[in-house]
């Protein structure tokens, strides 16, 4: 689950992307991103003034890209326009053991 807090009194847009995980795509559960895409390497979302945007994301990878059951990556959130604020979070992609490749 991802939470983006907009403490300003203006609408803001953010791009959410996956770093260090080749072939990964993001999918927002329960809707599509502001740019109309439901699945892609990044998502653009809108956060209303003085609100918290909560969403669940699925990160998917093609089978041929999976080399182990545990792969570290970073999820990055960057403001579009405005001050360009950003943050990143360390996470791990956990694949079912049957997808591991030597």
C-alpha atoms as a PDB file:
ATOM      1  CA  UNK A   1       0.000   0.000   0.000  1.00  0.00           C
ATOM      2  CA  UNK A   2       1.232   3.475  -0.911  1.00  0.00           C
ATOM      3  CA  UNK A   3       0.170   6.698   0.803  1.00  0.00           C
ATOM      4  CA  UNK A   4       0.893  10.173  -0.554  1.00  0.00           C
ATOM      5  CA  UNK A   5       0.178  13.092   1.769  1.00  0.00           C
ATOM      6  CA  UNK A   6      -0.574  16.449   0.134  1.00  0.00           C
ATOM      7  CA  UNK A   7      -0.245  19.063   2.876  1.00  0.00           C
ATOM      8  CA  UNK A   8      -0.592  21.967   0.457  1.00  0.00           C
ATOM      9  CA  UNK A   9      -3.812  23.777  -0.383  1.00  0.00           C
ATOM     10  CA  UNK A  10      -3.485  23.007  -4.087  1.00  0.00           C
ATOM     11  CA  UNK A  11      -3.865  19.965  -6.323  1.00  0.00           C
ATOM     12  CA  UNK A  12      -0.652  18.048  -6.958  1.00  0.00           C
ATOM     13  CA  UNK A  13       0.402  15.335  -9.389  1.00  0.00           C
ATOM     14  CA  UNK A  14       2.971  12.643  -8.727  1.00  0.00           C
ATOM     15  CA  UNK A  15       4.722  10.029 -10.819  1.00  0.00           C
ATOM     16  CA  UNK A  16       5.252   6.658  -9.153  1.00  0.00           C
ATOM     17  CA  UNK A  17       7.944   4.485 -10.712  1.00  0.00           C
ATOM     18  CA  UNK A  18       9.976   1.337 -10.075  1.00  0.00           C
ATOM     19  CA  UNK A  19      13.783   1.572 -10.103  1.00  0.00           C
ATOM     20  CA  UNK A  20      16.338  -1.259 -10.275  1.00  0.00           C
ATOM     21  CA  UNK A  21      13.802  -3.878 -11.431  1.00  0.00           C
ATOM     22  CA  UNK A  22      14.077  -4.376 -15.217  1.00  0.00           C
ATOM     23  CA  UNK A  23      10.858  -5.202 -17.039  1.00  0.00           C
ATOM     24  CA  UNK A  24       8.633  -4.269 -14.088  1.00  0.00           C
ATOM     25  CA  UNK A  25       5.226  -2.682 -14.594  1.00  0.00           C
ATOM     26  CA  UNK A  26       2.910  -1.048 -12.059  1.00  0.00           C
ATOM     27  CA  UNK A  27      -0.823  -1.569 -11.793  1.00  0.00           C
ATOM     28  CA  UNK A  28      -3.055   0.433  -9.506  1.00  0.00           C
ATOM     29  CA  UNK A  29      -5.680  -1.704  -7.808  1.00  0.00           C
ATOM     30  CA  UNK A  30      -9.216  -0.399  -8.252  1.00  0.00           C
ATOM     31  CA  UNK A  31      -8.596   2.158 -10.947  1.00  0.00           C
ATOM     32  CA  UNK A  32      -6.327   3.619 -13.544  1.00  0.00           C
ATOM     33  CA  UNK A  33      -3.737   6.325 -13.270  1.00  0.00           C
ATOM     34  CA  UNK A  34      -4.482   9.938 -14.170  1.00  0.00           C
ATOM     35  CA  UNK A  35      -2.799   9.450 -17.534  1.00  0.00           C
ATOM     36  CA  UNK A  36      -5.363   6.736 -18.347  1.00  0.00           C
ATOM     37  CA  UNK A  37      -2.987   3.802 -18.118  1.00  0.00           C
ATOM     38  CA  UNK A  38      -3.740   0.898 -15.850  1.00  0.00           C
ATOM     39  CA  UNK A  39      -0.421  -0.841 -16.415  1.00  0.00           C
ATOM     40  CA  UNK A  40       2.987   0.614 -17.232  1.00  0.00           C
ATOM     41  CA  UNK A  41       6.522   1.288 -16.004  1.00  0.00           C
ATOM     42  CA  UNK A  42       5.224   4.310 -14.087  1.00  0.00           C
ATOM     43  CA  UNK A  43       1.910   5.820 -13.007  1.00  0.00           C
ATOM     44  CA  UNK A  44       0.802   9.434 -12.689  1.00  0.00           C
ATOM     45  CA  UNK A  45      -1.654  10.133  -9.868  1.00  0.00           C
ATOM     46  CA  UNK A  46      -3.531  13.205  -8.637  1.00  0.00           C
ATOM     47  CA  UNK A  47      -3.698  14.188  -4.979  1.00  0.00           C
ATOM     48  CA  UNK A  48      -6.359  16.728  -3.931  1.00  0.00           C
ATOM     49  CA  UNK A  49      -5.474  19.584  -1.562  1.00  0.00           C
ATOM     50  CA  UNK A  50      -4.940  18.700   2.104  1.00  0.00           C
ATOM     51  CA  UNK A  51      -5.694  15.003   1.587  1.00  0.00           C
ATOM     52  CA  UNK A  52      -3.991  11.634   1.771  1.00  0.00           C
ATOM     53  CA  UNK A  53      -4.113   9.453  -1.340  1.00  0.00           C
ATOM     54  CA  UNK A  54      -4.033   5.761  -0.407  1.00  0.00           C
ATOM     55  CA  UNK A  55      -3.685   3.078  -3.050  1.00  0.00           C
ATOM     56  CA  UNK A  56      -2.574  -0.482  -3.532  1.00  0.00           C
ATOM     57  CA  UNK A  57      -0.132  -1.245  -6.298  1.00  0.00           C
ATOM     58  CA  UNK A  58       0.807  -4.497  -7.950  1.00  0.00           C
ATOM     59  CA  UNK A  59       4.259  -4.822  -9.464  1.00  0.00           C
ATOM     60  CA  UNK A  60       4.468  -7.341 -12.264  1.00  0.00           C
ATOM     61  CA  UNK A  61       7.421  -8.762 -14.190  1.00  0.00           C
ATOM     62  CA  UNK A  62       7.642 -11.029 -17.221  1.00  0.00           C
ATOM     63  CA  UNK A  63       8.619 -14.602 -16.363  1.00  0.00           C
ATOM     64  CA  UNK A  64      11.835 -14.365 -18.356  1.00  0.00           C
ATOM     65  CA  UNK A  65      12.954 -11.373 -16.218  1.00  0.00           C
ATOM     66  CA  UNK A  66      12.666 -13.286 -12.925  1.00  0.00           C
ATOM     67  CA  UNK A  67      16.044 -14.658 -11.825  1.00  0.00           C
ATOM     68  CA  UNK A  68      15.405 -15.294  -8.126  1.00  0.00           C
ATOM     69  CA  UNK A  69      12.587 -15.402  -5.599  1.00  0.00           C
ATOM     70  CA  UNK A  70      13.773 -12.174  -3.910  1.00  0.00           C
ATOM     71  CA  UNK A  71      14.929  -9.083  -5.831  1.00  0.00           C
ATOM     72  CA  UNK A  72      15.448  -5.688  -4.113  1.00  0.00           C
ATOM     73  CA  UNK A  73      14.182  -2.522  -5.845  1.00  0.00           C
ATOM     74  CA  UNK A  74      13.125   1.052  -5.089  1.00  0.00           C
ATOM     75  CA  UNK A  75       9.693   2.590  -5.457  1.00  0.00           C
ATOM     76  CA  UNK A  76      10.062   6.286  -6.272  1.00  0.00           C
ATOM     77  CA  UNK A  77       7.441   9.035  -5.945  1.00  0.00           C
ATOM     78  CA  UNK A  78       8.225  12.347  -7.695  1.00  0.00           C
ATOM     79  CA  UNK A  79       6.086  15.474  -7.820  1.00  0.00           C
ATOM     80  CA  UNK A  80       5.330  16.688 -11.340  1.00  0.00           C
ATOM     81  CA  UNK A  81       5.750  20.455 -11.503  1.00  0.00           C
ATOM     82  CA  UNK A  82       5.696  22.411  -8.294  1.00  0.00           C
ATOM     83  CA  UNK A  83       8.846  21.988  -6.226  1.00  0.00           C
ATOM     84  CA  UNK A  84       9.672  18.584  -7.669  1.00  0.00           C
ATOM     85  CA  UNK A  85       9.652  16.896  -4.277  1.00  0.00           C
ATOM     86  CA  UNK A  86      10.492  13.210  -4.292  1.00  0.00           C
ATOM     87  CA  UNK A  87      11.009  10.222  -2.066  1.00  0.00           C
ATOM     88  CA  UNK A  88      12.010   6.609  -2.499  1.00  0.00           C
ATOM     89  CA  UNK A  89      11.369   3.454  -0.573  1.00  0.00           C
ATOM     90  CA  UNK A  90      13.337   0.206  -0.522  1.00  0.00           C
ATOM     91  CA  UNK A  91      11.273  -2.906  -1.181  1.00  0.00           C
ATOM     92  CA  UNK A  92      11.680  -6.418  -2.565  1.00  0.00           C
ATOM     93  CA  UNK A  93       9.989  -8.275  -5.406  1.00  0.00           C
ATOM     94  CA  UNK A  94       9.081 -11.750  -4.161  1.00  0.00           C
ATOM     95  CA  UNK A  95       8.301 -14.281  -6.851  1.00  0.00           C
ATOM     96  CA  UNK A  96       6.852 -17.733  -6.289  1.00  0.00           C
ATOM     97  CA  UNK A  97       9.670 -20.347  -6.123  1.00  0.00           C
ATOM     98  CA  UNK A  98       8.456 -22.029  -9.321  1.00  0.00           C
ATOM     99  CA  UNK A  99       9.524 -18.924 -11.293  1.00  0.00           C
ATOM    100  CA  UNK A 100      13.134 -18.962 -10.157  1.00  0.00           C
ATOM    101  CA  UNK A 101      15.714 -19.400 -12.889  1.00  0.00           C
ATOM    102  CA  UNK A 102      19.302 -20.575 -12.496  1.00  0.00           C
END
